[in-house]
Amino acid sequence: MASPNKDTEASPLVYQPLNKDQREIRPLEILPNPPDGKVNCKLHIVLLTPDLYYTCISYVWGDPNVTEEIIVDGVPRQVTVTLATALRHVKRHWTEIERKSDPDLDTSKFRLWADALCINQDDLTERLH
């Protein structure tokens, strides 16, 4: 699970560009875990509208050298252990809480925004937007 360094080279994640004029953001959907137990996510590009249902998480990035592999859009990706743990806990607990507060809520549409994944960290313009 956790590794003290990047012993597995992951393919680079290919981010689709956001249309800033359209106020697009890139929340993620946490998919069911595959048999290997890795966190499995999919990025979506959506318009930032008042009725958009998503939740932001705040977490400590942690030591960038202590990572865990997750799957994003089918691509292995190294993230900090703190982010992988946060995603695992959010998936497990948040949908339970939301379902109790609104039994009619479609939790399959639950989206999450975590800066390390939802912002293309290699794109300075996007990071500053």
N, C-alpha and C. Protein backbone atom coordinates (compact mmCIF):
# COMPACT_ATOMS: atom_id res chain seq x y z
N MET A 1 0.81 -1.19 0.00
CA MET A 1 0.00 0.00 0.00
C MET A 1 0.85 1.26 0.00
N ALA A 2 1.23 1.73 1.18
CA ALA A 2 2.07 2.92 1.24
C ALA A 2 3.48 2.55 0.86
N SER A 3 4.13 3.47 0.18
CA SER A 3 5.52 3.22 -0.18
C SER A 3 6.34 4.44 0.16
N PRO A 4 7.58 4.26 0.62
CA PRO A 4 8.39 5.40 1.00
C PRO A 4 8.83 6.22 -0.20
N ASN A 5 8.68 5.69 -1.40
CA ASN A 5 9.01 6.45 -2.60
C ASN A 5 8.19 5.89 -3.75
N LYS A 6 8.41 6.44 -4.90
CA LYS A 6 7.65 6.00 -6.07
C LYS A 6 8.34 4.80 -6.71
N ASP A 7 8.13 3.60 -6.15
CA ASP A 7 8.78 2.44 -6.72
C ASP A 7 8.04 1.94 -7.95
N THR A 8 6.83 2.40 -8.17
CA THR A 8 6.09 2.04 -9.38
C THR A 8 5.88 3.32 -10.18
N GLU A 9 6.41 3.36 -11.35
CA GLU A 9 6.18 4.54 -12.19
C GLU A 9 4.79 4.46 -12.78
N ALA A 10 3.99 5.46 -12.52
CA ALA A 10 2.63 5.50 -13.05
C ALA A 10 2.62 6.33 -14.33
N SER A 11 1.72 5.98 -15.21
CA SER A 11 1.55 6.77 -16.43
C SER A 11 1.03 8.15 -16.04
N PRO A 12 1.41 9.18 -16.79
CA PRO A 12 0.90 10.51 -16.45
C PRO A 12 -0.61 10.57 -16.71
N LEU A 13 -1.29 11.25 -15.81
CA LEU A 13 -2.73 11.44 -15.97
C LEU A 13 -2.95 12.49 -17.04
N VAL A 14 -3.83 12.23 -17.97
CA VAL A 14 -4.11 13.18 -19.05
C VAL A 14 -5.34 13.98 -18.65
N TYR A 15 -5.13 15.26 -18.39
CA TYR A 15 -6.23 16.15 -18.02
C TYR A 15 -6.81 16.78 -19.27
N GLN A 16 -8.13 16.75 -19.38
CA GLN A 16 -8.80 17.50 -20.43
C GLN A 16 -8.83 18.96 -19.98
N PRO A 17 -8.56 19.90 -20.88
CA PRO A 17 -8.53 21.31 -20.47
C PRO A 17 -9.91 21.80 -20.04
N LEU A 18 -9.92 22.71 -19.08
CA LEU A 18 -11.16 23.34 -18.63
C LEU A 18 -11.42 24.60 -19.44
N ASN A 19 -12.68 24.88 -19.69
CA ASN A 19 -13.07 26.13 -20.35
C ASN A 19 -13.38 27.13 -19.24
N LYS A 20 -12.43 28.01 -18.96
CA LYS A 20 -12.59 28.95 -17.86
C LYS A 20 -13.69 29.97 -18.13
N ASP A 21 -13.96 30.26 -19.41
CA ASP A 21 -15.05 31.17 -19.75
C ASP A 21 -16.41 30.56 -19.40
N GLN A 22 -16.48 29.24 -19.40
CA GLN A 22 -17.73 28.55 -19.08
C GLN A 22 -17.81 28.17 -17.59
N ARG A 23 -16.81 28.55 -16.81
CA ARG A 23 -16.76 28.23 -15.37
C ARG A 23 -16.82 26.72 -15.13
N GLU A 24 -15.96 26.00 -15.80
CA GLU A 24 -15.91 24.56 -15.63
C GLU A 24 -14.98 24.19 -14.47
N ILE A 25 -15.33 23.12 -13.80
CA ILE A 25 -14.46 22.53 -12.79
C ILE A 25 -14.38 21.03 -13.05
N ARG A 26 -13.50 20.37 -12.32
CA ARG A 26 -13.24 18.96 -12.57
C ARG A 26 -13.39 18.15 -11.26
N PRO A 27 -14.63 17.92 -10.80
CA PRO A 27 -14.80 17.09 -9.60
C PRO A 27 -14.57 15.62 -9.93
N LEU A 28 -14.41 14.82 -8.91
CA LEU A 28 -14.18 13.40 -9.15
C LEU A 28 -15.30 12.56 -8.54
N GLU A 29 -15.47 11.42 -9.12
CA GLU A 29 -16.41 10.42 -8.63
C GLU A 29 -15.58 9.26 -8.10
N ILE A 30 -15.89 8.82 -6.90
CA ILE A 30 -15.18 7.67 -6.34
C ILE A 30 -15.98 6.43 -6.75
N LEU A 31 -15.35 5.60 -7.54
CA LEU A 31 -15.99 4.40 -8.07
C LEU A 31 -15.86 3.25 -7.07
N PRO A 32 -16.62 2.18 -7.26
CA PRO A 32 -16.42 1.01 -6.40
C PRO A 32 -14.98 0.52 -6.50
N ASN A 33 -14.45 0.10 -5.38
CA ASN A 33 -13.06 -0.37 -5.36
C ASN A 33 -12.92 -1.65 -6.16
N PRO A 34 -11.84 -1.74 -6.95
CA PRO A 34 -11.57 -3.00 -7.65
C PRO A 34 -11.13 -4.06 -6.63
N PRO A 35 -11.00 -5.32 -7.08
CA PRO A 35 -10.62 -6.40 -6.15
C PRO A 35 -9.32 -6.14 -5.39
N ASP A 36 -8.40 -5.36 -5.99
CA ASP A 36 -7.13 -5.11 -5.29
C ASP A 36 -7.26 -4.08 -4.17
N GLY A 37 -8.45 -3.47 -4.02
CA GLY A 37 -8.70 -2.54 -2.92
C GLY A 37 -8.21 -1.12 -3.14
N LYS A 38 -7.62 -0.83 -4.29
CA LYS A 38 -7.14 0.52 -4.56
C LYS A 38 -8.33 1.48 -4.71
N VAL A 39 -8.11 2.72 -4.31
CA VAL A 39 -9.11 3.75 -4.56
C VAL A 39 -9.21 3.92 -6.07
N ASN A 40 -10.43 3.99 -6.57
CA ASN A 40 -10.68 4.07 -8.01
C ASN A 40 -11.58 5.28 -8.26
N CYS A 41 -11.10 6.24 -9.07
CA CYS A 41 -11.83 7.49 -9.29
C CYS A 41 -11.98 7.80 -10.77
N LYS A 42 -12.93 8.66 -11.05
CA LYS A 42 -13.12 9.16 -12.41
C LYS A 42 -13.33 10.67 -12.32
N LEU A 43 -12.61 11.41 -13.16
CA LEU A 43 -12.77 12.87 -13.21
C LEU A 43 -13.89 13.22 -14.18
N HIS A 44 -14.66 14.25 -13.82
CA HIS A 44 -15.73 14.75 -14.68
C HIS A 44 -15.51 16.24 -14.88
N ILE A 45 -15.79 16.74 -16.06
CA ILE A 45 -15.78 18.18 -16.29
C ILE A 45 -17.23 18.64 -16.29
N VAL A 46 -17.55 19.59 -15.41
CA VAL A 46 -18.92 20.07 -15.27
C VAL A 46 -18.91 21.59 -15.14
N LEU A 47 -20.07 22.18 -15.42
CA LEU A 47 -20.23 23.62 -15.21
C LEU A 47 -20.44 23.89 -13.73
N LEU A 48 -19.80 24.93 -13.24
CA LEU A 48 -19.97 25.33 -11.86
C LEU A 48 -21.25 26.16 -11.77
N THR A 49 -22.33 25.52 -11.38
CA THR A 49 -23.64 26.17 -11.28
C THR A 49 -24.12 26.10 -9.84
N PRO A 50 -25.07 26.95 -9.46
CA PRO A 50 -25.56 26.94 -8.08
C PRO A 50 -26.17 25.60 -7.65
N ASP A 51 -26.70 24.83 -8.58
CA ASP A 51 -27.34 23.56 -8.21
C ASP A 51 -26.40 22.36 -8.31
N LEU A 52 -25.13 22.59 -8.60
CA LEU A 52 -24.17 21.48 -8.69
C LEU A 52 -23.94 20.90 -7.29
N TYR A 53 -24.10 19.59 -7.18
CA TYR A 53 -23.95 18.90 -5.90
C TYR A 53 -22.57 18.26 -5.84
N TYR A 54 -21.71 18.84 -5.02
CA TYR A 54 -20.39 18.26 -4.80
C TYR A 54 -19.88 18.74 -3.45
N THR A 55 -18.86 18.10 -2.96
CA THR A 55 -18.27 18.44 -1.68
C THR A 55 -16.77 18.58 -1.85
N CYS A 56 -16.22 19.61 -1.22
CA CYS A 56 -14.76 19.79 -1.21
C CYS A 56 -14.21 19.16 0.06
N ILE A 57 -13.04 18.57 -0.07
CA ILE A 57 -12.39 18.08 1.14
C ILE A 57 -11.13 18.88 1.38
N SER A 58 -10.86 19.09 2.65
CA SER A 58 -9.64 19.77 3.07
C SER A 58 -8.82 18.74 3.84
N TYR A 59 -7.57 18.65 3.51
CA TYR A 59 -6.71 17.64 4.12
C TYR A 59 -5.28 18.16 4.06
N VAL A 60 -4.43 17.60 4.87
CA VAL A 60 -3.00 17.92 4.82
C VAL A 60 -2.40 17.09 3.69
N TRP A 61 -1.68 17.74 2.79
CA TRP A 61 -1.09 16.99 1.68
C TRP A 61 -0.18 15.89 2.18
N GLY A 62 0.53 16.15 3.27
CA GLY A 62 1.41 15.12 3.83
C GLY A 62 2.75 15.07 3.12
N ASP A 63 3.54 14.12 3.52
CA ASP A 63 4.88 13.93 2.96
C ASP A 63 4.74 13.46 1.50
N PRO A 64 5.23 14.26 0.55
CA PRO A 64 5.08 13.88 -0.86
C PRO A 64 5.87 12.63 -1.24
N ASN A 65 6.76 12.19 -0.37
CA ASN A 65 7.54 10.99 -0.66
C ASN A 65 6.88 9.71 -0.15
N VAL A 66 5.83 9.85 0.64
CA VAL A 66 5.10 8.69 1.16
C VAL A 66 3.78 8.63 0.40
N THR A 67 3.71 7.73 -0.56
CA THR A 67 2.59 7.72 -1.48
C THR A 67 1.88 6.37 -1.51
N GLU A 68 0.73 6.41 -2.14
CA GLU A 68 -0.06 5.21 -2.36
C GLU A 68 -0.60 5.30 -3.78
N GLU A 69 -0.68 4.19 -4.45
CA GLU A 69 -1.20 4.18 -5.81
C GLU A 69 -2.72 4.08 -5.79
N ILE A 70 -3.37 4.99 -6.53
CA ILE A 70 -4.81 4.91 -6.75
C ILE A 70 -5.01 4.87 -8.27
N ILE A 71 -6.24 4.68 -8.69
CA ILE A 71 -6.56 4.66 -10.11
C ILE A 71 -7.44 5.87 -10.41
N VAL A 72 -7.03 6.68 -11.39
CA VAL A 72 -7.81 7.85 -11.82
C VAL A 72 -8.01 7.74 -13.32
N ASP A 73 -9.25 7.66 -13.74
CA ASP A 73 -9.58 7.50 -15.16
C ASP A 73 -8.84 6.31 -15.78
N GLY A 74 -8.73 5.24 -15.00
CA GLY A 74 -8.09 4.02 -15.49
C GLY A 74 -6.57 4.05 -15.48
N VAL A 75 -5.99 5.14 -14.99
CA VAL A 75 -4.54 5.31 -15.00
C VAL A 75 -4.00 5.24 -13.56
N PRO A 76 -2.99 4.42 -13.29
CA PRO A 76 -2.39 4.41 -11.96
C PRO A 76 -1.78 5.78 -11.65
N ARG A 77 -1.99 6.24 -10.43
CA ARG A 77 -1.51 7.57 -10.04
C ARG A 77 -1.03 7.52 -8.60
N GLN A 78 0.16 8.04 -8.34
CA GLN A 78 0.68 8.12 -6.99
C GLN A 78 0.13 9.39 -6.33
N VAL A 79 -0.46 9.24 -5.15
CA VAL A 79 -0.93 10.38 -4.36
C VAL A 79 -0.42 10.19 -2.94
N THR A 80 -0.47 11.25 -2.17
CA THR A 80 -0.05 11.12 -0.78
C THR A 80 -0.98 10.15 -0.06
N VAL A 81 -0.43 9.49 0.94
CA VAL A 81 -1.22 8.55 1.73
C VAL A 81 -2.40 9.27 2.37
N THR A 82 -2.20 10.53 2.78
CA THR A 82 -3.30 11.26 3.42
C THR A 82 -4.47 11.45 2.46
N LEU A 83 -4.20 11.73 1.19
CA LEU A 83 -5.29 11.88 0.23
C LEU A 83 -5.98 10.55 -0.03
N ALA A 84 -5.22 9.49 -0.23
CA ALA A 84 -5.82 8.17 -0.46
C ALA A 84 -6.70 7.76 0.72
N THR A 85 -6.22 8.01 1.92
CA THR A 85 -7.00 7.68 3.12
C THR A 85 -8.26 8.52 3.19
N ALA A 86 -8.14 9.81 2.89
CA ALA A 86 -9.32 10.70 2.91
C ALA A 86 -10.37 10.22 1.91
N LEU A 87 -9.95 9.86 0.71
CA LEU A 87 -10.89 9.39 -0.31
C LEU A 87 -11.59 8.11 0.15
N ARG A 88 -10.84 7.23 0.75
CA ARG A 88 -11.41 5.97 1.24
C ARG A 88 -12.47 6.23 2.31
N HIS A 89 -12.16 7.12 3.26
CA HIS A 89 -13.10 7.43 4.34
C HIS A 89 -14.32 8.18 3.83
N VAL A 90 -14.11 9.12 2.93
CA VAL A 90 -15.24 9.88 2.38
C VAL A 90 -16.20 8.94 1.69
N LYS A 91 -15.70 8.07 0.86
CA LYS A 91 -16.57 7.13 0.14
C LYS A 91 -17.38 6.29 1.12
N ARG A 92 -16.73 5.82 2.16
CA ARG A 92 -17.39 4.93 3.11
C ARG A 92 -18.44 5.66 3.95
N HIS A 93 -18.12 6.87 4.42
CA HIS A 93 -18.97 7.51 5.41
C HIS A 93 -19.90 8.60 4.86
N TRP A 94 -19.44 9.35 3.90
CA TRP A 94 -20.23 10.49 3.44
C TRP A 94 -21.56 10.06 2.82
N THR A 95 -21.54 9.05 2.00
CA THR A 95 -22.80 8.63 1.37
C THR A 95 -23.79 8.11 2.41
N GLU A 96 -23.29 7.47 3.48
CA GLU A 96 -24.19 7.03 4.56
C GLU A 96 -24.84 8.23 5.23
N ILE A 97 -24.06 9.25 5.52
CA ILE A 97 -24.57 10.46 6.18
C ILE A 97 -25.58 11.15 5.28
N GLU A 98 -25.24 11.32 4.02
CA GLU A 98 -26.14 11.99 3.09
C GLU A 98 -27.45 11.22 2.92
N ARG A 99 -27.38 9.92 2.84
CA ARG A 99 -28.58 9.10 2.66
C ARG A 99 -29.50 9.24 3.87
N LYS A 100 -28.93 9.35 5.06
CA LYS A 100 -29.75 9.53 6.27
C LYS A 100 -30.42 10.90 6.28
N SER A 101 -29.72 11.93 5.80
CA SER A 101 -30.29 13.28 5.81
C SER A 101 -31.31 13.47 4.70
N ASP A 102 -31.18 12.75 3.59
CA ASP A 102 -32.12 12.86 2.48
C ASP A 102 -32.24 11.49 1.82
N PRO A 103 -33.22 10.69 2.23
CA PRO A 103 -33.35 9.33 1.69
C PRO A 103 -33.54 9.27 0.18
N ASP A 104 -34.02 10.36 -0.43
CA ASP A 104 -34.25 10.37 -1.87
C ASP A 104 -33.01 10.77 -2.67
N LEU A 105 -31.95 11.15 -1.97
CA LEU A 105 -30.74 11.61 -2.64
C LEU A 105 -30.08 10.47 -3.42
N ASP A 106 -29.75 10.74 -4.66
CA ASP A 106 -29.06 9.76 -5.49
C ASP A 106 -27.56 9.86 -5.20
N THR A 107 -27.07 9.04 -4.30
CA THR A 107 -25.66 9.13 -3.90
C THR A 107 -24.71 8.63 -4.97
N SER A 108 -25.24 8.01 -6.02
CA SER A 108 -24.37 7.59 -7.12
C SER A 108 -23.84 8.81 -7.87
N LYS A 109 -24.49 9.95 -7.72
CA LYS A 109 -24.06 11.19 -8.38
C LYS A 109 -23.14 12.02 -7.48
N PHE A 110 -22.74 11.46 -6.35
CA PHE A 110 -21.87 12.17 -5.42
C PHE A 110 -20.55 12.52 -6.08
N ARG A 111 -20.16 13.78 -6.01
CA ARG A 111 -18.90 14.24 -6.58
C ARG A 111 -18.10 14.93 -5.48
N LEU A 112 -16.80 14.86 -5.62
CA LEU A 112 -15.88 15.37 -4.62
C LEU A 112 -14.84 16.23 -5.31
N TRP A 113 -14.38 17.25 -4.62
CA TRP A 113 -13.32 18.10 -5.17
C TRP A 113 -12.15 18.06 -4.20
N ALA A 114 -11.02 17.56 -4.68
CA ALA A 114 -9.77 17.51 -3.92
C ALA A 114 -8.70 18.13 -4.81
N ASP A 115 -8.12 19.22 -4.36
CA ASP A 115 -7.23 20.02 -5.21
C ASP A 115 -6.11 19.24 -5.88
N ALA A 116 -5.50 18.30 -5.18
CA ALA A 116 -4.36 17.58 -5.76
C ALA A 116 -4.74 16.78 -7.00
N LEU A 117 -6.00 16.37 -7.11
CA LEU A 117 -6.44 15.60 -8.27
C LEU A 117 -7.29 16.41 -9.24
N CYS A 118 -8.11 17.30 -8.72
CA CYS A 118 -9.09 18.00 -9.55
C CYS A 118 -8.50 19.20 -10.28
N ILE A 119 -7.34 19.64 -9.86
CA ILE A 119 -6.60 20.70 -10.55
C ILE A 119 -5.40 20.05 -11.21
N ASN A 120 -5.16 20.37 -12.46
CA ASN A 120 -3.96 19.89 -13.14
C ASN A 120 -2.77 20.62 -12.53
N GLN A 121 -2.06 19.94 -11.65
CA GLN A 121 -0.95 20.56 -10.92
C GLN A 121 0.24 20.89 -11.82
N ASP A 122 0.26 20.36 -13.03
CA ASP A 122 1.34 20.67 -13.98
C ASP A 122 1.01 21.89 -14.84
N ASP A 123 -0.19 22.45 -14.69
CA ASP A 123 -0.63 23.58 -15.50
C ASP A 123 -0.72 24.82 -14.60
N LEU A 124 0.29 25.69 -14.68
CA LEU A 124 0.35 26.86 -13.82
C LEU A 124 -0.89 27.74 -13.99
N THR A 125 -1.35 27.93 -15.22
CA THR A 125 -2.53 28.76 -15.46
C THR A 125 -3.74 28.20 -14.73
N GLU A 126 -3.92 26.90 -14.81
CA GLU A 126 -5.07 26.28 -14.13
C GLU A 126 -4.92 26.37 -12.61
N ARG A 127 -3.72 26.18 -12.10
CA ARG A 127 -3.52 26.27 -10.65
C ARG A 127 -3.82 27.66 -10.12
N LEU A 128 -3.57 28.68 -10.92
CA LEU A 128 -3.79 30.06 -10.49
C LEU A 128 -5.21 30.54 -10.71
N HIS A 129 -6.00 29.79 -11.46
CA HIS A 129 -7.37 30.22 -11.79
C HIS A 129 -8.28 30.13 -10.59
